[in-house]
Amino acid sequence: MDPVTRVIEITVNYLRIQCDVKFWSQHISSILVGIIIATSIRGLLITHTKLFYAISSSKSSSVNVLLLAQIMGMYFVSSVLLIRMNMPLEYCTIITEVLGELQFNFCHHWFDMIFLVSTLLA
């Protein structure tokens, strides 16, 4: 049982309220994941902005923008893959249908490897 479901279940039992714990835990978990993704993207942008200010010049500004766009695209795809791996099966099939024929296990493995290497280098 995940922490959000457990907290909602304890609160409902303590306050003796009748509500659908599964429904609310899914929605609250989705909101929390959205907040985590938004703050991590913000942190990534702040870090890259500092890096680009340090190495930018008038000639390299368009290269910096293209590099930032590439990094943000990869970051978005890796976040979607990570979210997909931790969702219930009925929601995973929806993401699989939207993204098409991706080999999610292969992508998830490389996401883990890149994350491990980047944390060791940071």
PDB file of N, CA and C in Angstrom:
ATOM      1  N   MET A   1       0.848  -1.178   0.000  1.00  0.00           N
ATOM      2  CA  MET A   1       0.000   0.000   0.000  1.00  0.00           C
ATOM      3  C   MET A   1       0.890   1.237   0.000  1.00  0.00           C
ATOM      4  N   ASP A   2       0.555   2.181  -0.863  1.00  0.00           N
ATOM      5  CA  ASP A   2       1.361   3.392  -0.953  1.00  0.00           C
ATOM      6  C   ASP A   2       1.042   4.346   0.201  1.00  0.00           C
ATOM      7  N   PRO A   3       1.940   5.289   0.471  1.00  0.00           N
ATOM      8  CA  PRO A   3       1.751   6.193   1.620  1.00  0.00           C
ATOM      9  C   PRO A   3       0.494   7.059   1.528  1.00  0.00           C
ATOM     10  N   VAL A   4       0.136   7.497   0.327  1.00  0.00           N
ATOM     11  CA  VAL A   4      -1.044   8.353   0.190  1.00  0.00           C
ATOM     12  C   VAL A   4      -2.306   7.573   0.570  1.00  0.00           C
ATOM     13  N   THR A   5      -2.420   6.367   0.064  1.00  0.00           N
ATOM     14  CA  THR A   5      -3.581   5.537   0.400  1.00  0.00           C
ATOM     15  C   THR A   5      -3.635   5.252   1.894  1.00  0.00           C
ATOM     16  N   ARG A   6      -2.483   4.980   2.467  1.00  0.00           N
ATOM     17  CA  ARG A   6      -2.424   4.680   3.906  1.00  0.00           C
ATOM     18  C   ARG A   6      -2.865   5.890   4.745  1.00  0.00           C
ATOM     19  N   VAL A   7      -2.396   7.089   4.374  1.00  0.00           N
ATOM     20  CA  VAL A   7      -2.771   8.302   5.120  1.00  0.00           C
ATOM     21  C   VAL A   7      -4.265   8.572   4.979  1.00  0.00           C
ATOM     22  N   ILE A   8      -4.788   8.417   3.776  1.00  0.00           N
ATOM     23  CA  ILE A   8      -6.223   8.643   3.577  1.00  0.00           C
ATOM     24  C   ILE A   8      -7.035   7.619   4.360  1.00  0.00           C
ATOM     25  N   GLU A   9      -6.582   6.365   4.337  1.00  0.00           N
ATOM     26  CA  GLU A   9      -7.292   5.319   5.068  1.00  0.00           C
ATOM     27  C   GLU A   9      -7.295   5.584   6.575  1.00  0.00           C
ATOM     28  N   ILE A  10      -6.166   5.998   7.119  1.00  0.00           N
ATOM     29  CA  ILE A  10      -6.082   6.316   8.549  1.00  0.00           C
ATOM     30  C   ILE A  10      -6.976   7.504   8.880  1.00  0.00           C
ATOM     31  N   THR A  11      -6.958   8.530   8.033  1.00  0.00           N
ATOM     32  CA  THR A  11      -7.783   9.717   8.268  1.00  0.00           C
ATOM     33  C   THR A  11      -9.267   9.379   8.211  1.00  0.00           C
ATOM     34  N   VAL A  12      -9.660   8.589   7.237  1.00  0.00           N
ATOM     35  CA  VAL A  12     -11.067   8.203   7.112  1.00  0.00           C
ATOM     36  C   VAL A  12     -11.507   7.381   8.321  1.00  0.00           C
ATOM     37  N   ASN A  13     -10.662   6.458   8.762  1.00  0.00           N
ATOM     38  CA  ASN A  13     -11.014   5.652   9.932  1.00  0.00           C
ATOM     39  C   ASN A  13     -11.046   6.480  11.213  1.00  0.00           C
ATOM     40  N   TYR A  14     -10.140   7.432  11.337  1.00  0.00           N
ATOM     41  CA  TYR A  14     -10.075   8.264  12.537  1.00  0.00           C
ATOM     42  C   TYR A  14     -11.266   9.211  12.620  1.00  0.00           C
ATOM     43  N   LEU A  15     -11.604   9.833  11.487  1.00  0.00           N
ATOM     44  CA  LEU A  15     -12.699  10.795  11.472  1.00  0.00           C
ATOM     45  C   LEU A  15     -14.060  10.141  11.209  1.00  0.00           C
ATOM     46  N   ARG A  16     -14.053   8.854  10.915  1.00  0.00           N
ATOM     47  CA  ARG A  16     -15.273   8.080  10.625  1.00  0.00           C
ATOM     48  C   ARG A  16     -16.085   8.715   9.494  1.00  0.00           C
ATOM     49  N   ILE A  17     -15.385   8.978   8.404  1.00  0.00           N
ATOM     50  CA  ILE A  17     -15.995   9.570   7.220  1.00  0.00           C
ATOM     51  C   ILE A  17     -16.173   8.468   6.176  1.00  0.00           C
ATOM     52  N   GLN A  18     -17.253   8.525   5.434  1.00  0.00           N
ATOM     53  CA  GLN A  18     -17.474   7.577   4.351  1.00  0.00           C
ATOM     54  C   GLN A  18     -17.010   8.203   3.042  1.00  0.00           C
ATOM     55  N   CYS A  19     -15.971   7.622   2.436  1.00  0.00           N
ATOM     56  CA  CYS A  19     -15.516   8.087   1.126  1.00  0.00           C
ATOM     57  C   CYS A  19     -14.803   6.941   0.421  1.00  0.00           C
ATOM     58  N   ASP A  20     -14.640   7.101  -0.876  1.00  0.00           N
ATOM     59  CA  ASP A  20     -13.964   6.097  -1.694  1.00  0.00           C
ATOM     60  C   ASP A  20     -12.456   6.337  -1.612  1.00  0.00           C
ATOM     61  N   VAL A  21     -11.777   5.529  -0.820  1.00  0.00           N
ATOM     62  CA  VAL A  21     -10.341   5.713  -0.566  1.00  0.00           C
ATOM     63  C   VAL A  21      -9.540   5.500  -1.847  1.00  0.00           C
ATOM     64  N   LYS A  22      -9.894   4.498  -2.634  1.00  0.00           N
ATOM     65  CA  LYS A  22      -9.155   4.210  -3.868  1.00  0.00           C
ATOM     66  C   LYS A  22      -9.251   5.379  -4.847  1.00  0.00           C
ATOM     67  N   PHE A  23     -10.451   5.923  -5.007  1.00  0.00           N
ATOM     68  CA  PHE A  23     -10.665   7.052  -5.918  1.00  0.00           C
ATOM     69  C   PHE A  23      -9.817   8.248  -5.504  1.00  0.00           C
ATOM     70  N   TRP A  24      -9.902   8.627  -4.236  1.00  0.00           N
ATOM     71  CA  TRP A  24      -9.181   9.805  -3.773  1.00  0.00           C
ATOM     72  C   TRP A  24      -7.670   9.594  -3.740  1.00  0.00           C
ATOM     73  N   SER A  25      -7.237   8.390  -3.430  1.00  0.00           N
ATOM     74  CA  SER A  25      -5.792   8.147  -3.399  1.00  0.00           C
ATOM     75  C   SER A  25      -5.192   8.238  -4.790  1.00  0.00           C
ATOM     76  N   GLN A  26      -5.912   7.778  -5.818  1.00  0.00           N
ATOM     77  CA  GLN A  26      -5.409   7.907  -7.184  1.00  0.00           C
ATOM     78  C   GLN A  26      -5.304   9.365  -7.604  1.00  0.00           C
ATOM     79  N   HIS A  27      -6.317  10.153  -7.259  1.00  0.00           N
ATOM     80  CA  HIS A  27      -6.293  11.562  -7.655  1.00  0.00           C
ATOM     81  C   HIS A  27      -5.232  12.352  -6.885  1.00  0.00           C
ATOM     82  N   ILE A  28      -5.138  12.119  -5.609  1.00  0.00           N
ATOM     83  CA  ILE A  28      -4.141  12.836  -4.815  1.00  0.00           C
ATOM     84  C   ILE A  28      -2.733  12.411  -5.222  1.00  0.00           C
ATOM     85  N   SER A  29      -2.538  11.129  -5.504  1.00  0.00           N
ATOM     86  CA  SER A  29      -1.235  10.660  -5.969  1.00  0.00           C
ATOM     87  C   SER A  29      -0.869  11.299  -7.302  1.00  0.00           C
ATOM     88  N   SER A  30      -1.831  11.425  -8.206  1.00  0.00           N
ATOM     89  CA  SER A  30      -1.569  12.069  -9.500  1.00  0.00           C
ATOM     90  C   SER A  30      -1.194  13.529  -9.319  1.00  0.00           C
ATOM     91  N   ILE A  31      -1.872  14.204  -8.408  1.00  0.00           N
ATOM     92  CA  ILE A  31      -1.541  15.608  -8.140  1.00  0.00           C
ATOM     93  C   ILE A  31      -0.140  15.726  -7.553  1.00  0.00           C
ATOM     94  N   LEU A  32       0.208  14.849  -6.621  1.00  0.00           N
ATOM     95  CA  LEU A  32       1.549  14.882  -6.029  1.00  0.00           C
ATOM     96  C   LEU A  32       2.626  14.581  -7.063  1.00  0.00           C
ATOM     97  N   VAL A  33       2.376  13.633  -7.953  1.00  0.00           N
ATOM     98  CA  VAL A  33       3.339  13.342  -9.021  1.00  0.00           C
ATOM     99  C   VAL A  33       3.488  14.550  -9.935  1.00  0.00           C
ATOM    100  N   GLY A  34       2.397  15.217 -10.253  1.00  0.00           N
ATOM    101  CA  GLY A  34       2.463  16.430 -11.066  1.00  0.00           C
ATOM    102  C   GLY A  34       3.280  17.525 -10.404  1.00  0.00           C
ATOM    103  N   ILE A  35       3.114  17.686  -9.099  1.00  0.00           N
ATOM    104  CA  ILE A  35       3.894  18.684  -8.362  1.00  0.00           C
ATOM    105  C   ILE A  35       5.376  18.321  -8.369  1.00  0.00           C
ATOM    106  N   ILE A  36       5.682  17.045  -8.170  1.00  0.00           N
ATOM    107  CA  ILE A  36       7.082  16.604  -8.186  1.00  0.00           C
ATOM    108  C   ILE A  36       7.699  16.833  -9.554  1.00  0.00           C
ATOM    109  N   ILE A  37       6.973  16.514 -10.619  1.00  0.00           N
ATOM    110  CA  ILE A  37       7.495  16.722 -11.969  1.00  0.00           C
ATOM    111  C   ILE A  37       7.703  18.206 -12.243  1.00  0.00           C
ATOM    112  N   ALA A  38       6.736  19.039 -11.860  1.00  0.00           N
ATOM    113  CA  ALA A  38       6.871  20.478 -12.102  1.00  0.00           C
ATOM    114  C   ALA A  38       8.059  21.063 -11.356  1.00  0.00           C
ATOM    115  N   THR A  39       8.257  20.673 -10.105  1.00  0.00           N
ATOM    116  CA  THR A  39       9.396  21.219  -9.357  1.00  0.00           C
ATOM    117  C   THR A  39      10.719  20.676  -9.868  1.00  0.00           C
ATOM    118  N   SER A  40      10.748  19.439 -10.332  1.00  0.00           N
ATOM    119  CA  SER A  40      12.005  18.914 -10.865  1.00  0.00           C
ATOM    120  C   SER A  40      12.342  19.558 -12.198  1.00  0.00           C
ATOM    121  N   ILE A  41      11.330  19.841 -13.020  1.00  0.00           N
ATOM    122  CA  ILE A  41      11.585  20.558 -14.279  1.00  0.00           C
ATOM    123  C   ILE A  41      12.061  21.969 -13.980  1.00  0.00           C
ATOM    124  N   ARG A  42      11.482  22.602 -12.989  1.00  0.00           N
ATOM    125  CA  ARG A  42      11.924  23.945 -12.599  1.00  0.00           C
ATOM    126  C   ARG A  42      13.381  23.920 -12.149  1.00  0.00           C
ATOM    127  N   GLY A  43      13.743  22.940 -11.334  1.00  0.00           N
ATOM    128  CA  GLY A  43      15.132  22.810 -10.893  1.00  0.00           C
ATOM    129  C   GLY A  43      16.074  22.549 -12.047  1.00  0.00           C
ATOM    130  N   LEU A  44      15.634  21.708 -12.987  1.00  0.00           N
ATOM    131  CA  LEU A  44      16.446  21.441 -14.167  1.00  0.00           C
ATOM    132  C   LEU A  44      16.653  22.707 -14.988  1.00  0.00           C
ATOM    133  N   LEU A  45      15.597  23.481 -15.182  1.00  0.00           N
ATOM    134  CA  LEU A  45      15.719  24.730 -15.950  1.00  0.00           C
ATOM    135  C   LEU A  45      16.622  25.743 -15.258  1.00  0.00           C
ATOM    136  N   ILE A  46      16.520  25.844 -13.951  1.00  0.00           N
ATOM    137  CA  ILE A  46      17.379  26.774 -13.211  1.00  0.00           C
ATOM    138  C   ILE A  46      18.841  26.368 -13.344  1.00  0.00           C
ATOM    139  N   THR A  47      19.116  25.079 -13.223  1.00  0.00           N
ATOM    140  CA  THR A  47      20.488  24.598 -13.352  1.00  0.00           C
ATOM    141  C   THR A  47      21.029  24.846 -14.750  1.00  0.00           C
ATOM    142  N   HIS A  48      20.231  24.559 -15.766  1.00  0.00           N
ATOM    143  CA  HIS A  48      20.688  24.780 -17.137  1.00  0.00           C
ATOM    144  C   HIS A  48      20.836  26.259 -17.460  1.00  0.00           C
ATOM    145  N   THR A  49      19.994  27.088 -16.890  1.00  0.00           N
ATOM    146  CA  THR A  49      20.133  28.527 -17.100  1.00  0.00           C
ATOM    147  C   THR A  49      21.452  29.030 -16.545  1.00  0.00           C
ATOM    148  N   LYS A  50      21.814  28.581 -15.360  1.00  0.00           N
ATOM    149  CA  LYS A  50      23.106  28.967 -14.784  1.00  0.00           C
ATOM    150  C   LYS A  50      24.263  28.489 -15.654  1.00  0.00           C
ATOM    151  N   LEU A  51      24.149  27.261 -16.145  1.00  0.00           N
ATOM    152  CA  LEU A  51      25.193  26.707 -17.007  1.00  0.00           C
ATOM    153  C   LEU A  51      25.290  27.492 -18.302  1.00  0.00           C
ATOM    154  N   PHE A  52      24.162  27.809 -18.914  1.00  0.00           N
ATOM    155  CA  PHE A  52      24.183  28.535 -20.181  1.00  0.00           C
ATOM    156  C   PHE A  52      24.683  29.964 -20.022  1.00  0.00           C
ATOM    157  N   TYR A  53      24.391  30.620 -18.888  1.00  0.00           N
ATOM    158  CA  TYR A  53      24.943  31.945 -18.649  1.00  0.00           C
ATOM    159  C   TYR A  53      26.460  31.891 -18.520  1.00  0.00           C
ATOM    160  N   ALA A  54      26.960  30.812 -17.950  1.00  0.00           N
ATOM    161  CA  ALA A  54      28.406  30.688 -17.766  1.00  0.00           C
ATOM    162  C   ALA A  54      29.140  30.441 -19.075  1.00  0.00           C
ATOM    163  N   ILE A  55      28.518  29.722 -20.012  1.00  0.00           N
ATOM    164  CA  ILE A  55      29.233  29.368 -21.237  1.00  0.00           C
ATOM    165  C   ILE A  55      28.699  30.055 -22.480  1.00  0.00           C
ATOM    166  N   SER A  56      27.711  30.918 -22.348  1.00  0.00           N
ATOM    167  CA  SER A  56      27.071  31.490 -23.532  1.00  0.00           C
ATOM    168  C   SER A  56      27.834  32.682 -24.082  1.00  0.00           C
ATOM    169  N   SER A  57      27.665  32.840 -25.370  1.00  0.00           N
ATOM    170  CA  SER A  57      28.148  34.029 -26.073  1.00  0.00           C
ATOM    171  C   SER A  57      27.102  34.352 -27.134  1.00  0.00           C
ATOM    172  N   SER A  58      27.306  35.419 -27.862  1.00  0.00           N
ATOM    173  CA  SER A  58      26.317  35.793 -28.867  1.00  0.00           C
ATOM    174  C   SER A  58      26.261  34.785 -30.008  1.00  0.00           C
ATOM    175  N   LYS A  59      27.359  34.109 -30.268  1.00  0.00           N
ATOM    176  CA  LYS A  59      27.387  33.131 -31.358  1.00  0.00           C
ATOM    177  C   LYS A  59      26.830  31.774 -30.942  1.00  0.00           C
ATOM    178  N   SER A  60      26.907  31.450 -29.660  1.00  0.00           N
ATOM    179  CA  SER A  60      26.483  30.121 -29.219  1.00  0.00           C
ATOM    180  C   SER A  60      25.083  30.096 -28.614  1.00  0.00           C
ATOM    181  N   SER A  61      24.359  31.199 -28.651  1.00  0.00           N
ATOM    182  CA  SER A  61      23.054  31.236 -27.993  1.00  0.00           C
ATOM    183  C   SER A  61      22.046  30.307 -28.662  1.00  0.00           C
ATOM    184  N   SER A  62      22.041  30.235 -29.993  1.00  0.00           N
ATOM    185  CA  SER A  62      21.087  29.351 -30.660  1.00  0.00           C
ATOM    186  C   SER A  62      21.433  27.881 -30.416  1.00  0.00           C
ATOM    187  N   VAL A  63      22.701  27.562 -30.300  1.00  0.00           N
ATOM    188  CA  VAL A  63      23.100  26.189 -29.978  1.00  0.00           C
ATOM    189  C   VAL A  63      22.639  25.845 -28.560  1.00  0.00           C
ATOM    190  N   ASN A  64      22.763  26.792 -27.644  1.00  0.00           N
ATOM    191  CA  ASN A  64      22.309  26.569 -26.273  1.00  0.00           C
ATOM    192  C   ASN A  64      20.808  26.320 -26.210  1.00  0.00           C
ATOM    193  N   VAL A  65      20.032  27.069 -26.976  1.00  0.00           N
ATOM    194  CA  VAL A  65      18.582  26.885 -27.000  1.00  0.00           C
ATOM    195  C   VAL A  65      18.226  25.515 -27.571  1.00  0.00           C
ATOM    196  N   LEU A  66      18.900  25.116 -28.639  1.00  0.00           N
ATOM    197  CA  LEU A  66      18.638  23.793 -29.216  1.00  0.00           C
ATOM    198  C   LEU A  66      19.019  22.676 -28.250  1.00  0.00           C
ATOM    199  N   LEU A  67      20.119  22.844 -27.542  1.00  0.00           N
ATOM    200  CA  LEU A  67      20.541  21.845 -26.559  1.00  0.00           C
ATOM    201  C   LEU A  67      19.540  21.759 -25.409  1.00  0.00           C
ATOM    202  N   LEU A  68      19.078  22.919 -24.956  1.00  0.00           N
ATOM    203  CA  LEU A  68      18.075  22.923 -23.891  1.00  0.00           C
ATOM    204  C   LEU A  68      16.782  22.256 -24.343  1.00  0.00           C
ATOM    205  N   ALA A  69      16.350  22.504 -25.578  1.00  0.00           N
ATOM    206  CA  ALA A  69      15.140  21.867 -26.103  1.00  0.00           C
ATOM    207  C   ALA A  69      15.318  20.354 -26.177  1.00  0.00           C
ATOM    208  N   GLN A  70      16.489  19.893 -26.592  1.00  0.00           N
ATOM    209  CA  GLN A  70      16.753  18.456 -26.663  1.00  0.00           C
ATOM    210  C   GLN A  70      16.727  17.827 -25.266  1.00  0.00           C
ATOM    211  N   ILE A  71      17.358  18.482 -24.316  1.00  0.00           N
ATOM    212  CA  ILE A  71      17.398  17.966 -22.952  1.00  0.00           C
ATOM    213  C   ILE A  71      16.000  17.937 -22.342  1.00  0.00           C
ATOM    214  N   MET A  72      15.204  18.978 -22.547  1.00  0.00           N
ATOM    215  CA  MET A  72      13.855  19.003 -22.006  1.00  0.00           C
ATOM    216  C   MET A  72      12.978  17.926 -22.643  1.00  0.00           C
ATOM    217  N   GLY A  73      13.149  17.672 -23.928  1.00  0.00           N
ATOM    218  CA  GLY A  73      12.399  16.609 -24.582  1.00  0.00           C
ATOM    219  C   GLY A  73      12.748  15.242 -24.014  1.00  0.00           C
ATOM    220  N   MET A  74      14.038  14.987 -23.838  1.00  0.00           N
ATOM    221  CA  MET A  74      14.459  13.715 -23.256  1.00  0.00           C
ATOM    222  C   MET A  74      13.969  13.588 -21.821  1.00  0.00           C
ATOM    223  N   TYR A  75      14.002  14.678 -21.084  1.00  0.00           N
ATOM    224  CA  TYR A  75      13.547  14.670 -19.702  1.00  0.00           C
ATOM    225  C   TYR A  75      12.054  14.373 -19.619  1.00  0.00           C
ATOM    226  N   PHE A  76      11.278  14.961 -20.526  1.00  0.00           N
ATOM    227  CA  PHE A  76       9.841  14.714 -20.557  1.00  0.00           C
ATOM    228  C   PHE A  76       9.540  13.256 -20.878  1.00  0.00           C
ATOM    229  N   VAL A  77      10.194  12.715 -21.893  1.00  0.00           N
ATOM    230  CA  VAL A  77       9.958  11.319 -22.270  1.00  0.00           C
ATOM    231  C   VAL A  77      10.364  10.379 -21.146  1.00  0.00           C
ATOM    232  N   SER A  78      11.491  10.652 -20.504  1.00  0.00           N
ATOM    233  CA  SER A  78      11.918   9.782 -19.411  1.00  0.00           C
ATOM    234  C   SER A  78      10.966   9.878 -18.223  1.00  0.00           C
ATOM    235  N   SER A  79      10.398  11.053 -17.965  1.00  0.00           N
ATOM    236  CA  SER A  79       9.413  11.188 -16.890  1.00  0.00           C
ATOM    237  C   SER A  79       8.143  10.405 -17.198  1.00  0.00           C
ATOM    238  N   VAL A  80       7.695  10.458 -18.445  1.00  0.00           N
ATOM    239  CA  VAL A  80       6.512   9.692 -18.841  1.00  0.00           C
ATOM    240  C   VAL A  80       6.781   8.197 -18.703  1.00  0.00           C
ATOM    241  N   LEU A  81       7.967   7.754 -19.108  1.00  0.00           N
ATOM    242  CA  LEU A  81       8.309   6.339 -18.976  1.00  0.00           C
ATOM    243  C   LEU A  81       8.348   5.917 -17.513  1.00  0.00           C
ATOM    244  N   LEU A  82       8.917   6.762 -16.680  1.00  0.00           N
ATOM    245  CA  LEU A  82       9.000   6.440 -15.268  1.00  0.00           C
ATOM    246  C   LEU A  82       7.616   6.397 -14.625  1.00  0.00           C
ATOM    247  N   ILE A  83       6.771   7.327 -14.971  1.00  0.00           N
ATOM    248  CA  ILE A  83       5.406   7.339 -14.446  1.00  0.00           C
ATOM    249  C   ILE A  83       4.656   6.103 -14.925  1.00  0.00           C
ATOM    250  N   ARG A  84       4.842   5.742 -16.192  1.00  0.00           N
ATOM    251  CA  ARG A  84       4.142   4.585 -16.750  1.00  0.00           C
ATOM    252  C   ARG A  84       4.522   3.301 -16.029  1.00  0.00           C
ATOM    253  N   MET A  85       5.768   3.163 -15.650  1.00  0.00           N
ATOM    254  CA  MET A  85       6.207   1.942 -14.988  1.00  0.00           C
ATOM    255  C   MET A  85       5.614   1.799 -13.585  1.00  0.00           C
ATOM    256  N   ASN A  86       5.140   2.889 -12.993  1.00  0.00           N
ATOM    257  CA  ASN A  86       4.617   2.849 -11.632  1.00  0.00           C
ATOM    258  C   ASN A  86       3.107   3.034 -11.551  1.00  0.00           C
ATOM    259  N   MET A  87       2.427   2.952 -12.666  1.00  0.00           N
ATOM    260  CA  MET A  87       0.976   3.119 -12.684  1.00  0.00           C
ATOM    261  C   MET A  87       0.275   1.770 -12.694  1.00  0.00           C
ATOM    262  N   PRO A  88      -1.001   1.760 -12.281  1.00  0.00           N
ATOM    263  CA  PRO A  88      -1.781   0.528 -12.404  1.00  0.00           C
ATOM    264  C   PRO A  88      -1.928   0.118 -13.869  1.00  0.00           C
ATOM    265  N   LEU A  89      -2.207  -1.154 -14.096  1.00  0.00           N
ATOM    266  CA  LEU A  89      -2.223  -1.723 -15.440  1.00  0.00           C
ATOM    267  C   LEU A  89      -3.230  -1.035 -16.366  1.00  0.00           C
ATOM    268  N   GLU A  90      -4.396  -0.670 -15.858  1.00  0.00           N
ATOM    269  CA  GLU A  90      -5.404  -0.060 -16.739  1.00  0.00           C
ATOM    270  C   GLU A  90      -4.959   1.303 -17.262  1.00  0.00           C
ATOM    271  N   TYR A  91      -4.128   2.020 -16.507  1.00  0.00           N
ATOM    272  CA  TYR A  91      -3.624   3.307 -16.976  1.00  0.00           C
ATOM    273  C   TYR A  91      -2.387   3.140 -17.844  1.00  0.00           C
ATOM    274  N   CYS A  92      -1.619   2.101 -17.610  1.00  0.00           N
ATOM    275  CA  CYS A  92      -0.444   1.831 -18.448  1.00  0.00           C
ATOM    276  C   CYS A  92      -0.843   1.555 -19.880  1.00  0.00           C
ATOM    277  N   THR A  93      -1.951   0.849 -20.060  1.00  0.00           N
ATOM    278  CA  THR A  93      -2.394   0.548 -21.420  1.00  0.00           C
ATOM    279  C   THR A  93      -2.800   1.812 -22.167  1.00  0.00           C
ATOM    280  N   ILE A  94      -3.333   2.793 -21.458  1.00  0.00           N
ATOM    281  CA  ILE A  94      -3.700   4.062 -22.099  1.00  0.00           C
ATOM    282  C   ILE A  94      -2.451   4.780 -22.586  1.00  0.00           C
ATOM    283  N   ILE A  95      -1.419   4.852 -21.750  1.00  0.00           N
ATOM    284  CA  ILE A  95      -0.171   5.504 -22.148  1.00  0.00           C
ATOM    285  C   ILE A  95       0.487   4.737 -23.287  1.00  0.00           C
ATOM    286  N   THR A  96       0.431   3.414 -23.243  1.00  0.00           N
ATOM    287  CA  THR A  96       1.005   2.602 -24.315  1.00  0.00           C
ATOM    288  C   THR A  96       0.296   2.867 -25.634  1.00  0.00           C
ATOM    289  N   GLU A  97      -1.017   3.008 -25.612  1.00  0.00           N
ATOM    290  CA  GLU A  97      -1.765   3.306 -26.830  1.00  0.00           C
ATOM    291  C   GLU A  97      -1.420   4.689 -27.372  1.00  0.00           C
ATOM    292  N   VAL A  98      -1.237   5.658 -26.486  1.00  0.00           N
ATOM    293  CA  VAL A  98      -0.924   7.013 -26.923  1.00  0.00           C
ATOM    294  C   VAL A  98       0.475   7.087 -27.529  1.00  0.00           C
ATOM    295  N   LEU A  99       1.443   6.449 -26.886  1.00  0.00           N
ATOM    296  CA  LEU A  99       2.836   6.541 -27.345  1.00  0.00           C
ATOM    297  C   LEU A  99       3.165   5.561 -28.457  1.00  0.00           C
ATOM    298  N   GLY A 100       2.348   4.575 -28.678  1.00  0.00           N
ATOM    299  CA  GLY A 100       2.595   3.640 -29.773  1.00  0.00           C
ATOM    300  C   GLY A 100       3.481   2.490 -29.364  1.00  0.00           C
ATOM    301  N   GLU A 101       4.165   1.933 -30.355  1.00  0.00           N
ATOM    302  CA  GLU A 101       4.963   0.728 -30.162  1.00  0.00           C
ATOM    303  C   GLU A 101       6.360   1.058 -29.645  1.00  0.00           C
ATOM    304  N   LEU A 102       6.466   1.415 -28.402  1.00  0.00           N
ATOM    305  CA  LEU A 102       7.762   1.628 -27.765  1.00  0.00           C
ATOM    306  C   LEU A 102       8.123   0.397 -26.961  1.00  0.00           C
ATOM    307  N   GLN A 103       9.390   0.109 -26.878  1.00  0.00           N
ATOM    308  CA  GLN A 103       9.843  -0.987 -26.030  1.00  0.00           C
ATOM    309  C   GLN A 103      10.135  -0.404 -24.658  1.00  0.00           C
ATOM    310  N   PHE A 104       9.115  -0.417 -23.795  1.00  0.00           N
ATOM    311  CA  PHE A 104       9.205   0.273 -22.518  1.00  0.00           C
ATOM    312  C   PHE A 104      10.254  -0.335 -21.597  1.00  0.00           C
ATOM    313  N   ASN A 105      10.413  -1.640 -21.616  1.00  0.00           N
ATOM    314  CA  ASN A 105      11.418  -2.248 -20.740  1.00  0.00           C
ATOM    315  C   ASN A 105      12.830  -1.828 -21.135  1.00  0.00           C
ATOM    316  N   PHE A 106      13.103  -1.761 -22.432  1.00  0.00           N
ATOM    317  CA  PHE A 106      14.407  -1.301 -22.920  1.00  0.00           C
ATOM    318  C   PHE A 106      14.643   0.148 -22.509  1.00  0.00           C
ATOM    319  N   CYS A 107      13.645   1.014 -22.721  1.00  0.00           N
ATOM    320  CA  CYS A 107      13.775   2.436 -22.363  1.00  0.00           C
ATOM    321  C   CYS A 107      13.916   2.612 -20.855  1.00  0.00           C
ATOM    322  N   HIS A 108      13.171   1.819 -20.090  1.00  0.00           N
ATOM    323  CA  HIS A 108      13.242   1.928 -18.635  1.00  0.00           C
ATOM    324  C   HIS A 108      14.619   1.503 -18.132  1.00  0.00           C
ATOM    325  N   HIS A 109      15.188   0.476 -18.734  1.00  0.00           N
ATOM    326  CA  HIS A 109      16.536   0.029 -18.352  1.00  0.00           C
ATOM    327  C   HIS A 109      17.560   1.132 -18.621  1.00  0.00           C
ATOM    328  N   TRP A 110      17.501   1.754 -19.795  1.00  0.00           N
ATOM    329  CA  TRP A 110      18.461   2.820 -20.111  1.00  0.00           C
ATOM    330  C   TRP A 110      18.211   4.062 -19.269  1.00  0.00           C
ATOM    331  N   PHE A 111      16.961   4.325 -18.926  1.00  0.00           N
ATOM    332  CA  PHE A 111      16.671   5.437 -18.028  1.00  0.00           C
ATOM    333  C   PHE A 111      17.360   5.213 -16.683  1.00  0.00           C
ATOM    334  N   ASP A 112      17.267   3.989 -16.170  1.00  0.00           N
ATOM    335  CA  ASP A 112      17.928   3.675 -14.904  1.00  0.00           C
ATOM    336  C   ASP A 112      19.438   3.812 -15.010  1.00  0.00           C
ATOM    337  N   MET A 113      20.021   3.352 -16.101  1.00  0.00           N
ATOM    338  CA  MET A 113      21.478   3.442 -16.274  1.00  0.00           C
ATOM    339  C   MET A 113      21.945   4.893 -16.374  1.00  0.00           C
ATOM    340  N   ILE A 114      21.231   5.687 -17.152  1.00  0.00           N
ATOM    341  CA  ILE A 114      21.606   7.099 -17.304  1.00  0.00           C
ATOM    342  C   ILE A 114      21.434   7.834 -15.987  1.00  0.00           C
ATOM    343  N   PHE A 115      20.374   7.520 -15.253  1.00  0.00           N
ATOM    344  CA  PHE A 115      20.168   8.141 -13.948  1.00  0.00           C
ATOM    345  C   PHE A 115      21.294   7.782 -12.984  1.00  0.00           C
ATOM    346  N   LEU A 116      21.696   6.512 -12.975  1.00  0.00           N
ATOM    347  CA  LEU A 116      22.776   6.067 -12.103  1.00  0.00           C
ATOM    348  C   LEU A 116      24.081   6.762 -12.443  1.00  0.00           C
ATOM    349  N   VAL A 117      24.420   6.839 -13.715  1.00  0.00           N
ATOM    350  CA  VAL A 117      25.671   7.490 -14.123  1.00  0.00           C
ATOM    351  C   VAL A 117      25.635   8.973 -13.791  1.00  0.00           C
ATOM    352  N   SER A 118      24.506   9.633 -14.045  1.00  0.00           N
ATOM    353  CA  SER A 118      24.422  11.079 -13.785  1.00  0.00           C
ATOM    354  C   SER A 118      24.502  11.385 -12.284  1.00  0.00           C
ATOM    355  N   THR A 119      23.937  10.518 -11.445  1.00  0.00           N
ATOM    356  CA  THR A 119      24.035  10.766 -10.013  1.00  0.00           C
ATOM    357  C   THR A 119      25.445  10.506  -9.496  1.00  0.00           C
ATOM    358  N   LEU A 120      26.142   9.560 -10.103  1.00  0.00           N
ATOM    359  CA  LEU A 120      27.527   9.315  -9.691  1.00  0.00           C
ATOM    360  C   LEU A 120      28.446  10.449 -10.128  1.00  0.00           C
ATOM    361  N   LEU A 121      28.141  11.095 -11.253  1.00  0.00           N
ATOM    362  CA  LEU A 121      28.969  12.191 -11.738  1.00  0.00           C
ATOM    363  C   LEU A 121      28.644  13.523 -11.075  1.00  0.00           C
ATOM    364  N   ALA A 122      27.453  13.651 -10.514  1.00  0.00           N
ATOM    365  CA  ALA A 122      27.031  14.930  -9.930  1.00  0.00           C
ATOM    366  C   ALA A 122      27.618  15.166  -8.576  1.00  0.00           C
TER     367      ALA A 122
END
